[in-house]
Amino acid sequence: MKKKLLAVLLTTATILASFTACGGKNDAKSSEAEGGATAASSENGDKIVLKGIADLVPHSEIIEYIKPKLAEQGIEIELVSTAADSTTNEKLNAGEIDFNYFQHEPYLLSEVEANGYDLVSAGGIHVEPITAYSDKYKSVDEIPEKAVVAIPNDGTNEYRALRILELNGFITLDEAAKDSLSASVQDITEYKIPIEIVELDSAQIIPTKDDYDFFITNTNKALEAKITSTRLFSEGADSPYANIIAVRSADKDKPAIQALVKALLDEDTQAFIEEKYDGAVIPVK
């Protein structure tokens, strides 16, 4: 009886061991197959997902326009945010996203120098010309002496604002400031037309615009705020401040990134920018 019981127990144990072994092997194969399929789809380019951060206007709107074109090539664009901030380049450098689209190259270079990021421009896409607006006057000729103008106080945009004031006959800037592309009111050598310049945080200009005879701000801010102020004068298409697709240097020549930039520079995309923004955003030719 004991011998029979022992034999049954041994047989049962053998069967259970066999099932367990088979189950383990199948699970491993299933796991390997799933992992292999994921890797294959990524490597073979069945579907490539590019994660990015782009400002809401006009950047994300332009990205939305080209999404169908890229989808035909197996490239999906996923915007994880439409509000770039001071951490956006840090996130790109850390690999949390694949590209960002909100800044011009001089700003990117200042970020690289300050933080040691390994980031580069994959291509310039459009210019958001810094522009003078007014709710009181319809042309430059109407602006009186001693008019008060608000301009942004950050290094790059303050220079841009002062430069268009110079180009439109209000002031003369020191040559050294023009060489450095950085200036403040202290770099004004002459007021050809007497005006009062108020330096403000760029975020405060539009909310307080009624306090000034005219104001200078970036067109994307004007578009986002949907202001109807008269455009008096602005930068031209030759501005060095084209907004760019920024990427890690190792990714610049990857086919998906190149396809993204090409789609943004295609003639139909340029036509879309020109028509939609009516000169407030200028495509890079």
Foldseek 3Di string as FASTA:
>chain_A
DVVVVVVVVVVVVVVVVVVVVVVVVVVVVVVVVVVVVVVCCDVVLQAAEFEEEAAVPPTVVLVVVCQVVVVVVRYHYHYPYNHDDPCRLVCQLVPVGFKYWYWFQVVVVVVCVVPVGQKDFLDFWWDQWWFKFFPQDQEPVPQAFAFEEEFEADFQRQLQVVVVCVVVQQFDFAPVCVVVSGDHPVRTPGGRGHYHYHYDHQVVCVVCVVVGRMYIHGLRVCVVVVDPTHTHDTDDLPDSIGTGIMGRPVCSPPPSNVVSRCSSQDPVSQVVCCVPVVPSMHTND
